[in-house]
């Protein structure tokens, strides 16, 4: 297993009104959000992002951290699992010209709406059945995506990451350290099907044979 490290430390944090979300959220909202279509990305805020558009202030500050940690160069090949519209990959390509960046997402809508510059390297696919040969990518990244799978599929997705990566990976998942964080997560969560205590996540990583780095998302 790799290291617990916050590679998104420089990603801007937004203030989340968890209590208001808990009051308004319904099971119907979850059903709509889990379709990961237009309503999730660019529909009403109660169904997801409430508008998902590119802005350099989000991922550009993260690029130096990722580049230094993985020692990324123009000769590397990287995969983003859960790439959505490809915003992170776009900033990576701008930061490291010549680097080969690819992405997958289960959302056909997000791929169709992705940025023109990276769209040719994006495809609709699932994390538990990556459409690539063994050892295809130097680095694999997946941010707040894998927890949207039930445990058996999630474990398979982690095994797939191990299969196709060459040297490094980084994932973030919904997690909690105590009962207070667990309650906030339950109030906030729309799409995650696997939300665990950090110790349970470590056990799951070990069971899957995951050797990459990781960090937790808590609202």
N, C-alpha and C. Protein backbone atom coordinates (compact mmCIF):
# COMPACT_ATOMS: atom_id res chain seq x y z
N UNK A 1 0.83 -1.19 0.00
CA UNK A 1 0.00 0.00 0.00
C UNK A 1 0.87 1.25 0.00
N UNK A 2 0.37 2.29 -0.67
CA UNK A 2 1.13 3.52 -0.75
C UNK A 2 0.93 4.41 0.46
N UNK A 3 0.94 5.73 0.23
CA UNK A 3 0.90 6.68 1.33
C UNK A 3 -0.41 7.46 1.37
N UNK A 4 -0.83 7.82 2.59
CA UNK A 4 -1.92 8.77 2.75
C UNK A 4 -1.33 10.16 2.56
N UNK A 5 -1.72 10.83 1.49
CA UNK A 5 -1.14 12.13 1.16
C UNK A 5 -2.16 12.97 0.42
N UNK A 6 -2.27 14.22 0.79
CA UNK A 6 -3.24 15.12 0.17
C UNK A 6 -2.60 15.84 -1.02
N UNK A 7 -2.69 15.23 -2.18
CA UNK A 7 -2.14 15.86 -3.38
C UNK A 7 -3.05 16.97 -3.90
N UNK A 8 -4.23 17.10 -3.31
CA UNK A 8 -5.15 18.17 -3.71
C UNK A 8 -5.15 19.31 -2.69
N UNK A 9 -4.09 19.42 -1.93
CA UNK A 9 -4.02 20.43 -0.87
C UNK A 9 -4.21 21.84 -1.41
N UNK A 10 -3.84 22.07 -2.67
CA UNK A 10 -3.97 23.41 -3.26
C UNK A 10 -5.23 23.58 -4.11
N UNK A 11 -6.10 22.57 -4.09
CA UNK A 11 -7.39 22.70 -4.79
C UNK A 11 -8.29 23.59 -3.95
N UNK A 12 -8.91 24.62 -4.54
CA UNK A 12 -9.74 25.55 -3.76
C UNK A 12 -10.87 24.82 -3.03
N UNK A 13 -11.05 25.11 -1.76
CA UNK A 13 -12.12 24.51 -0.97
C UNK A 13 -13.34 25.43 -0.98
N UNK A 14 -14.50 24.86 -1.25
CA UNK A 14 -15.73 25.63 -1.23
C UNK A 14 -16.47 25.37 0.08
N UNK A 15 -17.19 26.38 0.55
CA UNK A 15 -17.95 26.25 1.80
C UNK A 15 -19.23 25.46 1.50
N UNK A 16 -19.43 24.36 2.19
CA UNK A 16 -20.57 23.50 1.94
C UNK A 16 -21.61 23.63 3.06
N UNK A 17 -22.85 23.90 2.66
CA UNK A 17 -23.94 23.97 3.62
C UNK A 17 -24.54 22.57 3.77
N UNK A 18 -23.90 21.77 4.62
CA UNK A 18 -24.29 20.37 4.76
C UNK A 18 -25.69 20.26 5.37
N UNK A 19 -26.01 21.10 6.33
CA UNK A 19 -27.32 21.03 6.98
C UNK A 19 -28.45 21.32 6.00
N UNK A 20 -28.25 22.31 5.16
CA UNK A 20 -29.28 22.64 4.17
C UNK A 20 -29.44 21.51 3.17
N UNK A 21 -28.31 20.92 2.76
CA UNK A 21 -28.36 19.79 1.83
C UNK A 21 -29.16 18.64 2.43
N UNK A 22 -28.94 18.37 3.71
CA UNK A 22 -29.64 17.27 4.38
C UNK A 22 -31.15 17.51 4.41
N UNK A 23 -31.55 18.76 4.62
CA UNK A 23 -32.97 19.09 4.69
C UNK A 23 -33.66 18.92 3.34
N UNK A 24 -32.94 19.25 2.26
CA UNK A 24 -33.55 19.28 0.93
C UNK A 24 -33.41 17.98 0.15
N UNK A 25 -32.40 17.19 0.46
CA UNK A 25 -32.07 16.01 -0.34
C UNK A 25 -33.14 14.93 -0.20
N UNK A 26 -33.52 14.32 -1.33
CA UNK A 26 -34.48 13.23 -1.34
C UNK A 26 -33.90 12.03 -2.05
N UNK A 27 -34.55 10.89 -1.91
CA UNK A 27 -34.10 9.69 -2.62
C UNK A 27 -34.21 9.88 -4.13
N UNK A 28 -35.19 10.64 -4.56
CA UNK A 28 -35.32 10.94 -6.00
C UNK A 28 -34.10 11.72 -6.49
N UNK A 29 -33.61 12.65 -5.67
CA UNK A 29 -32.41 13.40 -6.04
C UNK A 29 -31.22 12.46 -6.22
N UNK A 30 -31.09 11.47 -5.33
CA UNK A 30 -30.01 10.49 -5.45
C UNK A 30 -30.14 9.70 -6.76
N UNK A 31 -31.34 9.28 -7.08
CA UNK A 31 -31.57 8.49 -8.29
C UNK A 31 -31.16 9.29 -9.53
N UNK A 32 -31.55 10.55 -9.55
CA UNK A 32 -31.20 11.41 -10.69
C UNK A 32 -29.69 11.64 -10.76
N UNK A 33 -29.08 11.92 -9.60
CA UNK A 33 -27.63 12.19 -9.56
C UNK A 33 -26.84 10.98 -10.04
N UNK A 34 -27.26 9.78 -9.65
CA UNK A 34 -26.52 8.57 -9.98
C UNK A 34 -26.63 8.16 -11.45
N UNK A 35 -27.40 8.90 -12.22
CA UNK A 35 -27.42 8.68 -13.66
C UNK A 35 -26.24 9.39 -14.33
N UNK A 36 -25.64 10.35 -13.62
CA UNK A 36 -24.46 11.09 -14.09
C UNK A 36 -24.68 11.67 -15.49
N UNK A 37 -25.87 12.21 -15.68
CA UNK A 37 -26.20 12.85 -16.95
C UNK A 37 -26.19 14.36 -16.85
N UNK A 38 -26.95 15.00 -17.72
CA UNK A 38 -26.99 16.46 -17.75
C UNK A 38 -27.45 17.03 -16.43
N UNK A 39 -28.44 16.40 -15.78
CA UNK A 39 -28.96 16.92 -14.53
C UNK A 39 -27.90 16.92 -13.43
N UNK A 40 -27.02 15.93 -13.45
CA UNK A 40 -25.96 15.85 -12.43
C UNK A 40 -24.93 16.96 -12.63
N UNK A 41 -24.51 17.17 -13.86
CA UNK A 41 -23.45 18.14 -14.12
C UNK A 41 -23.98 19.57 -14.27
N UNK A 42 -25.03 19.73 -15.04
CA UNK A 42 -25.46 21.07 -15.42
C UNK A 42 -26.93 21.34 -15.14
N UNK A 43 -27.51 20.59 -14.22
CA UNK A 43 -28.90 20.80 -13.85
C UNK A 43 -29.02 21.54 -12.54
N UNK A 44 -30.08 21.25 -11.81
CA UNK A 44 -30.33 21.88 -10.51
C UNK A 44 -29.26 21.45 -9.51
N UNK A 45 -28.88 22.36 -8.61
CA UNK A 45 -27.84 22.09 -7.63
C UNK A 45 -28.18 20.88 -6.74
N UNK A 46 -29.44 20.63 -6.51
CA UNK A 46 -29.82 19.52 -5.65
C UNK A 46 -29.55 18.17 -6.29
N UNK A 47 -29.27 18.16 -7.59
CA UNK A 47 -28.98 16.92 -8.30
C UNK A 47 -27.49 16.70 -8.55
N UNK A 48 -26.66 17.65 -8.14
CA UNK A 48 -25.22 17.51 -8.38
C UNK A 48 -24.49 18.83 -8.32
N UNK A 49 -23.73 19.13 -9.39
CA UNK A 49 -22.88 20.32 -9.39
C UNK A 49 -23.64 21.62 -9.55
N UNK A 50 -24.78 21.57 -10.24
CA UNK A 50 -25.51 22.80 -10.50
C UNK A 50 -24.82 23.68 -11.53
N UNK A 51 -24.04 23.05 -12.41
CA UNK A 51 -23.27 23.78 -13.43
C UNK A 51 -21.81 23.41 -13.32
N UNK A 52 -21.30 22.71 -14.32
CA UNK A 52 -19.94 22.17 -14.26
C UNK A 52 -19.15 22.73 -15.43
N UNK A 53 -18.43 23.82 -15.18
CA UNK A 53 -17.70 24.53 -16.23
C UNK A 53 -16.22 24.66 -15.88
N UNK A 54 -15.42 24.80 -16.92
CA UNK A 54 -13.97 24.91 -16.70
C UNK A 54 -13.59 26.28 -16.15
N UNK A 55 -12.69 26.27 -15.17
CA UNK A 55 -12.06 27.50 -14.69
C UNK A 55 -10.66 27.14 -14.22
N UNK A 56 -9.65 27.89 -14.66
CA UNK A 56 -8.26 27.54 -14.32
C UNK A 56 -7.94 27.60 -12.82
N UNK A 57 -8.76 28.28 -12.04
CA UNK A 57 -8.43 28.43 -10.61
C UNK A 57 -8.57 27.12 -9.84
N UNK A 58 -9.24 26.13 -10.43
CA UNK A 58 -9.43 24.88 -9.71
C UNK A 58 -8.23 23.94 -9.82
N UNK A 59 -7.91 23.49 -11.02
CA UNK A 59 -6.89 22.46 -11.17
C UNK A 59 -5.48 23.00 -11.41
N UNK A 60 -5.36 24.20 -11.94
CA UNK A 60 -4.01 24.71 -12.19
C UNK A 60 -3.14 24.76 -10.93
N UNK A 61 -3.67 25.16 -9.77
CA UNK A 61 -2.83 25.16 -8.56
C UNK A 61 -2.39 23.78 -8.12
N UNK A 62 -3.06 22.74 -8.60
CA UNK A 62 -2.74 21.36 -8.20
C UNK A 62 -1.61 20.78 -9.05
N UNK A 63 -1.42 21.33 -10.25
CA UNK A 63 -0.46 20.74 -11.18
C UNK A 63 0.96 20.62 -10.63
N UNK A 64 1.51 21.65 -9.98
CA UNK A 64 2.88 21.51 -9.43
C UNK A 64 2.99 20.37 -8.42
N UNK A 65 1.94 20.18 -7.60
CA UNK A 65 1.97 19.12 -6.58
C UNK A 65 1.98 17.75 -7.24
N UNK A 66 1.11 17.54 -8.22
CA UNK A 66 1.06 16.26 -8.93
C UNK A 66 2.36 16.01 -9.69
N UNK A 67 2.85 17.05 -10.35
CA UNK A 67 4.07 16.91 -11.15
C UNK A 67 5.26 16.51 -10.28
N UNK A 68 5.41 17.16 -9.14
CA UNK A 68 6.54 16.87 -8.25
C UNK A 68 6.40 15.48 -7.63
N UNK A 69 5.19 15.14 -7.18
CA UNK A 69 5.00 13.87 -6.48
C UNK A 69 5.29 12.68 -7.39
N UNK A 70 4.79 12.74 -8.62
CA UNK A 70 4.96 11.62 -9.54
C UNK A 70 6.13 11.81 -10.51
N UNK A 71 6.82 12.94 -10.36
CA UNK A 71 7.95 13.26 -11.24
C UNK A 71 7.53 13.15 -12.70
N UNK A 72 6.42 13.80 -13.02
CA UNK A 72 5.84 13.72 -14.35
C UNK A 72 6.68 14.49 -15.37
N UNK A 73 6.80 13.91 -16.56
CA UNK A 73 7.50 14.55 -17.66
C UNK A 73 6.69 14.38 -18.95
N UNK A 74 7.15 14.98 -20.00
CA UNK A 74 6.45 14.92 -21.29
C UNK A 74 6.44 13.52 -21.88
N UNK A 75 7.25 12.63 -21.36
CA UNK A 75 7.29 11.26 -21.89
C UNK A 75 6.31 10.33 -21.17
N UNK A 76 5.64 10.84 -20.13
CA UNK A 76 4.74 10.00 -19.35
C UNK A 76 3.36 9.89 -19.99
N UNK A 77 2.65 8.86 -19.57
CA UNK A 77 1.29 8.60 -20.01
C UNK A 77 0.42 8.45 -18.78
N UNK A 78 -0.67 9.22 -18.70
CA UNK A 78 -1.49 9.27 -17.49
C UNK A 78 -2.95 9.00 -17.82
N UNK A 79 -3.64 8.32 -16.91
CA UNK A 79 -5.07 8.04 -17.04
C UNK A 79 -5.83 8.64 -15.87
N UNK A 80 -6.92 9.33 -16.18
CA UNK A 80 -7.82 9.86 -15.16
C UNK A 80 -9.11 9.04 -15.19
N UNK A 81 -9.40 8.34 -14.11
CA UNK A 81 -10.62 7.53 -14.00
C UNK A 81 -11.70 8.38 -13.34
N UNK A 82 -12.77 8.65 -14.09
CA UNK A 82 -13.79 9.58 -13.64
C UNK A 82 -13.44 10.99 -14.08
N UNK A 83 -13.03 11.12 -15.33
CA UNK A 83 -12.48 12.38 -15.85
C UNK A 83 -13.53 13.44 -16.09
N UNK A 84 -14.82 13.07 -16.11
CA UNK A 84 -15.91 14.02 -16.37
C UNK A 84 -15.64 14.75 -17.70
N UNK A 85 -15.58 16.07 -17.67
CA UNK A 85 -15.38 16.85 -18.90
C UNK A 85 -13.91 17.09 -19.23
N UNK A 86 -13.01 16.47 -18.46
CA UNK A 86 -11.59 16.53 -18.79
C UNK A 86 -10.84 17.76 -18.33
N UNK A 87 -11.38 18.46 -17.33
CA UNK A 87 -10.75 19.71 -16.89
C UNK A 87 -9.34 19.48 -16.33
N UNK A 88 -9.18 18.48 -15.48
CA UNK A 88 -7.86 18.22 -14.90
C UNK A 88 -6.86 17.84 -16.00
N UNK A 89 -7.30 17.00 -16.93
CA UNK A 89 -6.40 16.56 -17.99
C UNK A 89 -5.99 17.74 -18.88
N UNK A 90 -6.90 18.65 -19.12
CA UNK A 90 -6.57 19.83 -19.92
C UNK A 90 -5.46 20.63 -19.26
N UNK A 91 -5.58 20.86 -17.95
CA UNK A 91 -4.56 21.63 -17.24
C UNK A 91 -3.24 20.87 -17.17
N UNK A 92 -3.29 19.54 -17.12
CA UNK A 92 -2.06 18.76 -17.14
C UNK A 92 -1.33 18.91 -18.47
N UNK A 93 -2.08 18.82 -19.55
CA UNK A 93 -1.49 18.96 -20.88
C UNK A 93 -0.89 20.35 -21.06
N UNK A 94 -1.57 21.36 -20.53
CA UNK A 94 -1.05 22.72 -20.62
C UNK A 94 0.20 22.88 -19.77
N UNK A 95 0.24 22.19 -18.64
CA UNK A 95 1.37 22.29 -17.72
C UNK A 95 2.59 21.52 -18.21
N UNK A 96 2.34 20.36 -18.85
CA UNK A 96 3.43 19.51 -19.34
C UNK A 96 3.17 19.19 -20.81
N UNK A 97 3.53 20.08 -21.72
CA UNK A 97 3.30 19.85 -23.14
C UNK A 97 3.93 18.55 -23.62
N UNK A 98 3.18 17.82 -24.42
CA UNK A 98 3.68 16.56 -24.96
C UNK A 98 3.28 15.35 -24.15
N UNK A 99 2.84 15.56 -22.92
CA UNK A 99 2.43 14.44 -22.08
C UNK A 99 1.14 13.84 -22.64
N UNK A 100 1.04 12.51 -22.64
CA UNK A 100 -0.14 11.81 -23.12
C UNK A 100 -1.12 11.61 -21.96
N UNK A 101 -2.27 12.28 -22.04
CA UNK A 101 -3.27 12.21 -20.98
C UNK A 101 -4.57 11.63 -21.52
N UNK A 102 -5.08 10.61 -20.84
CA UNK A 102 -6.30 9.94 -21.25
C UNK A 102 -7.29 9.94 -20.09
N UNK A 103 -8.57 9.78 -20.41
CA UNK A 103 -9.58 9.75 -19.38
C UNK A 103 -10.74 8.85 -19.73
N UNK A 104 -11.36 8.29 -18.69
CA UNK A 104 -12.58 7.53 -18.88
C UNK A 104 -13.64 8.05 -17.91
N UNK A 105 -14.90 7.88 -18.28
CA UNK A 105 -15.99 8.23 -17.40
C UNK A 105 -17.21 7.43 -17.85
N UNK A 106 -18.11 7.13 -16.91
CA UNK A 106 -19.31 6.40 -17.29
C UNK A 106 -20.36 7.33 -17.90
N UNK A 107 -20.13 8.64 -17.81
CA UNK A 107 -21.11 9.61 -18.29
C UNK A 107 -20.89 9.94 -19.76
N UNK A 108 -21.79 9.48 -20.59
CA UNK A 108 -21.73 9.83 -22.01
C UNK A 108 -21.93 11.33 -22.18
N UNK A 109 -22.77 11.92 -21.35
CA UNK A 109 -23.01 13.37 -21.42
C UNK A 109 -21.72 14.13 -21.15
N UNK A 110 -20.99 13.76 -20.09
CA UNK A 110 -19.76 14.49 -19.74
C UNK A 110 -18.72 14.38 -20.84
N UNK A 111 -18.57 13.19 -21.40
CA UNK A 111 -17.59 13.02 -22.49
C UNK A 111 -17.96 13.87 -23.70
N UNK A 112 -19.25 13.91 -24.03
CA UNK A 112 -19.69 14.72 -25.18
C UNK A 112 -19.48 16.20 -24.92
N UNK A 113 -19.56 16.61 -23.65
CA UNK A 113 -19.40 18.02 -23.29
C UNK A 113 -17.97 18.37 -22.90
N UNK A 114 -17.04 17.46 -23.09
CA UNK A 114 -15.67 17.68 -22.64
C UNK A 114 -14.95 18.73 -23.47
N UNK A 115 -13.85 19.22 -22.95
CA UNK A 115 -13.08 20.25 -23.63
C UNK A 115 -12.49 19.72 -24.94
N UNK A 116 -12.58 20.53 -25.96
CA UNK A 116 -12.15 20.14 -27.30
C UNK A 116 -10.71 19.61 -27.33
N UNK A 117 -9.84 20.22 -26.55
CA UNK A 117 -8.41 19.90 -26.61
C UNK A 117 -8.10 18.48 -26.14
N UNK A 118 -8.93 17.92 -25.26
CA UNK A 118 -8.66 16.59 -24.71
C UNK A 118 -9.67 15.54 -25.15
N UNK A 119 -10.75 15.95 -25.78
CA UNK A 119 -11.84 15.04 -26.13
C UNK A 119 -11.37 13.81 -26.91
N UNK A 120 -10.43 13.90 -27.85
CA UNK A 120 -10.00 12.70 -28.58
C UNK A 120 -9.44 11.59 -27.70
N UNK A 121 -8.96 11.94 -26.49
CA UNK A 121 -8.37 10.94 -25.60
C UNK A 121 -9.30 10.52 -24.46
N UNK A 122 -10.57 10.89 -24.56
CA UNK A 122 -11.55 10.52 -23.54
C UNK A 122 -12.53 9.51 -24.10
N UNK A 123 -13.02 8.62 -23.24
CA UNK A 123 -13.99 7.63 -23.69
C UNK A 123 -14.92 7.22 -22.56
N UNK A 124 -16.07 6.71 -22.95
CA UNK A 124 -17.02 6.16 -21.98
C UNK A 124 -16.57 4.74 -21.64
N UNK A 125 -16.35 4.49 -20.35
CA UNK A 125 -15.91 3.17 -19.89
C UNK A 125 -16.11 3.09 -18.39
N UNK A 126 -15.98 1.88 -17.84
CA UNK A 126 -16.16 1.67 -16.41
C UNK A 126 -14.83 1.36 -15.74
N UNK A 127 -14.72 1.76 -14.49
CA UNK A 127 -13.46 1.59 -13.75
C UNK A 127 -13.12 0.13 -13.50
N UNK A 128 -14.13 -0.73 -13.41
CA UNK A 128 -13.85 -2.14 -13.10
C UNK A 128 -13.54 -2.97 -14.34
N UNK A 129 -13.55 -2.33 -15.51
CA UNK A 129 -13.19 -3.03 -16.75
C UNK A 129 -12.48 -2.04 -17.66
N UNK A 130 -11.29 -1.64 -17.26
CA UNK A 130 -10.54 -0.64 -18.02
C UNK A 130 -10.16 -1.20 -19.39
N UNK A 131 -10.48 -0.49 -20.47
CA UNK A 131 -10.25 -1.00 -21.83
C UNK A 131 -8.82 -0.76 -22.32
N UNK A 132 -7.84 -1.17 -21.51
CA UNK A 132 -6.44 -0.95 -21.85
C UNK A 132 -5.62 -2.19 -21.49
N UNK A 133 -4.53 -2.42 -22.22
CA UNK A 133 -3.65 -3.56 -21.89
C UNK A 133 -2.94 -3.36 -20.56
N UNK A 134 -2.34 -4.42 -20.06
CA UNK A 134 -1.55 -4.34 -18.83
C UNK A 134 -0.44 -3.31 -18.98
N UNK A 135 -0.14 -2.62 -17.89
CA UNK A 135 0.97 -1.67 -17.83
C UNK A 135 0.89 -0.63 -18.95
N UNK A 136 -0.27 -0.01 -19.08
CA UNK A 136 -0.48 0.98 -20.15
C UNK A 136 -0.13 2.40 -19.73
N UNK A 137 -0.17 2.69 -18.41
CA UNK A 137 -0.02 4.07 -17.95
C UNK A 137 1.01 4.18 -16.84
N UNK A 138 1.83 5.22 -16.95
CA UNK A 138 2.81 5.47 -15.90
C UNK A 138 2.11 5.83 -14.60
N UNK A 139 1.07 6.64 -14.69
CA UNK A 139 0.36 7.12 -13.51
C UNK A 139 -1.15 7.07 -13.75
N UNK A 140 -1.90 6.71 -12.70
CA UNK A 140 -3.36 6.71 -12.76
C UNK A 140 -3.90 7.53 -11.61
N UNK A 141 -4.88 8.38 -11.90
CA UNK A 141 -5.50 9.23 -10.89
C UNK A 141 -7.02 9.04 -10.94
N UNK A 142 -7.64 9.00 -9.76
CA UNK A 142 -9.09 8.92 -9.70
C UNK A 142 -9.57 9.72 -8.48
N UNK A 143 -10.25 10.81 -8.74
CA UNK A 143 -10.67 11.72 -7.67
C UNK A 143 -12.17 11.62 -7.44
N UNK A 144 -12.57 11.28 -6.22
CA UNK A 144 -13.97 11.17 -5.79
C UNK A 144 -14.83 10.44 -6.81
N UNK A 145 -14.39 9.26 -7.20
CA UNK A 145 -15.10 8.47 -8.20
C UNK A 145 -15.36 7.04 -7.75
N UNK A 146 -14.34 6.36 -7.27
CA UNK A 146 -14.46 4.92 -7.00
C UNK A 146 -15.49 4.61 -5.93
N UNK A 147 -15.73 5.52 -5.01
CA UNK A 147 -16.73 5.26 -3.96
C UNK A 147 -18.16 5.19 -4.52
N UNK A 148 -18.34 5.54 -5.79
CA UNK A 148 -19.66 5.43 -6.41
C UNK A 148 -20.00 3.99 -6.80
N UNK A 149 -19.06 3.08 -6.56
CA UNK A 149 -19.27 1.66 -6.84
C UNK A 149 -19.56 0.89 -5.56
N UNK A 150 -20.36 -0.18 -5.69
CA UNK A 150 -20.52 -1.08 -4.55
C UNK A 150 -19.20 -1.82 -4.31
N UNK A 151 -19.01 -2.36 -3.11
CA UNK A 151 -17.73 -2.93 -2.72
C UNK A 151 -17.15 -3.93 -3.72
N UNK A 152 -17.91 -4.92 -4.19
CA UNK A 152 -17.30 -5.89 -5.13
C UNK A 152 -16.76 -5.23 -6.39
N UNK A 153 -17.51 -4.29 -6.94
CA UNK A 153 -17.05 -3.59 -8.15
C UNK A 153 -15.88 -2.66 -7.83
N UNK A 154 -15.92 -2.06 -6.64
CA UNK A 154 -14.85 -1.17 -6.23
C UNK A 154 -13.53 -1.93 -6.09
N UNK A 155 -13.60 -3.08 -5.47
CA UNK A 155 -12.39 -3.92 -5.32
C UNK A 155 -11.84 -4.30 -6.69
N UNK A 156 -12.74 -4.65 -7.62
CA UNK A 156 -12.31 -4.99 -8.97
C UNK A 156 -11.67 -3.79 -9.66
N UNK A 157 -12.22 -2.59 -9.41
CA UNK A 157 -11.65 -1.38 -10.01
C UNK A 157 -10.24 -1.13 -9.49
N UNK A 158 -10.02 -1.35 -8.21
CA UNK A 158 -8.68 -1.19 -7.64
C UNK A 158 -7.70 -2.20 -8.26
N UNK A 159 -8.17 -3.40 -8.49
CA UNK A 159 -7.33 -4.41 -9.14
C UNK A 159 -7.01 -4.00 -10.58
N UNK A 160 -7.98 -3.37 -11.23
CA UNK A 160 -7.76 -2.89 -12.59
C UNK A 160 -6.70 -1.79 -12.63
N UNK A 161 -6.74 -0.90 -11.63
CA UNK A 161 -5.71 0.14 -11.54
C UNK A 161 -4.33 -0.50 -11.43
N UNK A 162 -4.23 -1.51 -10.57
CA UNK A 162 -2.96 -2.21 -10.42
C UNK A 162 -2.52 -2.87 -11.72
N UNK A 163 -3.47 -3.37 -12.45
CA UNK A 163 -3.15 -4.09 -13.70
C UNK A 163 -2.59 -3.16 -14.78
N UNK A 164 -3.16 -1.97 -14.91
CA UNK A 164 -2.79 -1.13 -16.05
C UNK A 164 -1.74 -0.07 -15.71
N UNK A 165 -1.40 0.10 -14.42
CA UNK A 165 -0.42 1.14 -14.08
C UNK A 165 1.00 0.57 -14.11
N UNK A 166 1.94 1.48 -14.31
CA UNK A 166 3.36 1.11 -14.34
C UNK A 166 4.04 1.46 -13.02
N UNK A 167 3.84 2.73 -12.56
CA UNK A 167 4.61 3.10 -11.36
C UNK A 167 3.84 3.77 -10.24
N UNK A 168 2.73 4.45 -10.52
CA UNK A 168 2.09 5.18 -9.44
C UNK A 168 0.61 5.44 -9.66
N UNK A 169 -0.11 5.68 -8.56
CA UNK A 169 -1.53 6.02 -8.64
C UNK A 169 -1.93 6.83 -7.41
N UNK A 170 -3.05 7.54 -7.56
CA UNK A 170 -3.59 8.34 -6.46
C UNK A 170 -5.10 8.36 -6.58
N UNK A 171 -5.79 8.06 -5.47
CA UNK A 171 -7.25 8.08 -5.46
C UNK A 171 -7.74 8.84 -4.24
N UNK A 172 -8.93 9.43 -4.34
CA UNK A 172 -9.60 10.00 -3.18
C UNK A 172 -10.99 9.38 -3.09
N UNK A 173 -11.44 9.11 -1.87
CA UNK A 173 -12.73 8.47 -1.65
C UNK A 173 -13.43 9.10 -0.45
N UNK A 174 -14.76 9.00 -0.42
CA UNK A 174 -15.53 9.50 0.72
C UNK A 174 -15.22 8.66 1.95
N UNK A 175 -14.88 9.33 3.05
CA UNK A 175 -14.48 8.60 4.25
C UNK A 175 -14.77 9.43 5.49
N UNK A 176 -14.68 8.80 6.65
CA UNK A 176 -14.87 9.51 7.91
C UNK A 176 -13.95 8.93 8.97
N UNK A 177 -13.62 9.77 9.96
CA UNK A 177 -12.76 9.36 11.08
C UNK A 177 -13.55 9.12 12.36
N UNK A 178 -14.75 9.68 12.45
CA UNK A 178 -15.53 9.59 13.68
C UNK A 178 -17.01 9.70 13.36
N UNK A 179 -17.84 9.59 14.37
CA UNK A 179 -19.29 9.61 14.17
C UNK A 179 -19.78 10.95 13.64
N UNK A 180 -19.14 12.03 14.06
CA UNK A 180 -19.55 13.35 13.58
C UNK A 180 -19.31 13.48 12.08
N UNK A 181 -18.15 13.06 11.62
CA UNK A 181 -17.86 13.11 10.19
C UNK A 181 -18.77 12.15 9.42
N UNK A 182 -19.08 11.01 10.02
CA UNK A 182 -19.98 10.06 9.36
C UNK A 182 -21.36 10.67 9.15
N UNK A 183 -21.86 11.37 10.16
CA UNK A 183 -23.18 12.01 10.05
C UNK A 183 -23.18 13.09 8.97
N UNK A 184 -22.11 13.89 8.91
CA UNK A 184 -22.00 14.92 7.88
C UNK A 184 -21.95 14.29 6.49
N UNK A 185 -21.24 13.19 6.38
CA UNK A 185 -21.14 12.51 5.08
C UNK A 185 -22.51 11.98 4.64
N UNK A 186 -23.24 11.41 5.58
CA UNK A 186 -24.57 10.90 5.25
C UNK A 186 -25.50 12.02 4.82
N UNK A 187 -25.36 13.18 5.45
CA UNK A 187 -26.18 14.33 5.08
C UNK A 187 -25.81 14.88 3.70
N UNK A 188 -24.52 14.80 3.37
CA UNK A 188 -24.03 15.41 2.13
C UNK A 188 -24.12 14.47 0.92
N UNK A 189 -23.89 13.21 1.11
CA UNK A 189 -23.71 12.27 0.01
C UNK A 189 -24.92 12.16 -0.92
N UNK A 190 -24.63 12.24 -2.22
CA UNK A 190 -25.65 12.02 -3.25
C UNK A 190 -25.40 10.75 -4.04
N UNK A 191 -24.16 10.46 -4.35
CA UNK A 191 -23.86 9.40 -5.33
C UNK A 191 -23.08 8.22 -4.78
N UNK A 192 -22.31 8.40 -3.70
CA UNK A 192 -21.43 7.33 -3.22
C UNK A 192 -22.23 6.14 -2.70
N UNK A 193 -21.81 4.95 -3.10
CA UNK A 193 -22.44 3.71 -2.62
C UNK A 193 -21.56 3.01 -1.58
N UNK A 194 -20.30 3.43 -1.47
CA UNK A 194 -19.39 2.87 -0.47
C UNK A 194 -18.73 4.01 0.29
N UNK A 195 -19.17 4.22 1.52
CA UNK A 195 -18.60 5.24 2.39
C UNK A 195 -18.16 4.53 3.67
N UNK A 196 -16.85 4.59 3.97
CA UNK A 196 -16.29 3.78 5.05
C UNK A 196 -15.45 4.62 6.01
N UNK A 197 -15.26 4.07 7.21
CA UNK A 197 -14.27 4.63 8.13
C UNK A 197 -12.90 4.47 7.48
N UNK A 198 -11.99 5.38 7.76
CA UNK A 198 -10.68 5.32 7.12
C UNK A 198 -9.99 3.97 7.35
N UNK A 199 -10.17 3.39 8.52
CA UNK A 199 -9.55 2.08 8.79
C UNK A 199 -10.17 0.98 7.93
N UNK A 200 -11.47 1.10 7.68
CA UNK A 200 -12.13 0.13 6.80
C UNK A 200 -11.64 0.28 5.37
N UNK A 201 -11.40 1.52 4.97
CA UNK A 201 -10.83 1.73 3.64
C UNK A 201 -9.45 1.08 3.51
N UNK A 202 -8.64 1.22 4.52
CA UNK A 202 -7.30 0.63 4.49
C UNK A 202 -7.39 -0.90 4.37
N UNK A 203 -8.33 -1.48 5.06
CA UNK A 203 -8.54 -2.93 4.96
C UNK A 203 -8.98 -3.32 3.56
N UNK A 204 -9.86 -2.50 2.98
CA UNK A 204 -10.32 -2.79 1.63
C UNK A 204 -9.19 -2.65 0.61
N UNK A 205 -8.36 -1.61 0.75
CA UNK A 205 -7.20 -1.45 -0.13
C UNK A 205 -6.30 -2.67 -0.06
N UNK A 206 -6.07 -3.14 1.15
CA UNK A 206 -5.21 -4.31 1.35
C UNK A 206 -5.82 -5.55 0.70
N UNK A 207 -7.12 -5.73 0.86
CA UNK A 207 -7.82 -6.87 0.26
C UNK A 207 -7.72 -6.85 -1.25
N UNK A 208 -7.78 -5.66 -1.84
CA UNK A 208 -7.72 -5.53 -3.30
C UNK A 208 -6.29 -5.57 -3.84
N UNK A 209 -5.32 -5.48 -2.93
CA UNK A 209 -3.93 -5.44 -3.38
C UNK A 209 -3.53 -4.09 -3.95
N UNK A 210 -4.23 -3.03 -3.52
CA UNK A 210 -3.94 -1.70 -4.03
C UNK A 210 -2.65 -1.17 -3.41
N UNK A 211 -1.72 -0.71 -4.25
CA UNK A 211 -0.41 -0.27 -3.79
C UNK A 211 -0.17 1.22 -3.95
N UNK A 212 -1.18 1.95 -4.43
CA UNK A 212 -1.00 3.37 -4.71
C UNK A 212 -1.27 4.27 -3.52
N UNK A 213 -1.17 5.58 -3.76
CA UNK A 213 -1.43 6.59 -2.74
C UNK A 213 -2.91 6.90 -2.67
N UNK A 214 -3.32 7.57 -1.58
CA UNK A 214 -4.74 7.79 -1.37
C UNK A 214 -4.96 8.95 -0.41
N UNK A 215 -6.19 9.48 -0.44
CA UNK A 215 -6.59 10.48 0.55
C UNK A 215 -8.11 10.46 0.65
N UNK A 216 -8.62 11.20 1.65
CA UNK A 216 -10.04 11.12 1.99
C UNK A 216 -10.77 12.40 1.64
N UNK A 217 -12.03 12.24 1.22
CA UNK A 217 -12.90 13.42 1.08
C UNK A 217 -13.91 13.41 2.22
N UNK A 218 -13.97 14.53 2.94
CA UNK A 218 -14.99 14.73 3.98
C UNK A 218 -15.59 16.11 3.78
N UNK A 219 -16.91 16.23 3.79
CA UNK A 219 -17.53 17.55 3.54
C UNK A 219 -17.36 18.50 4.73
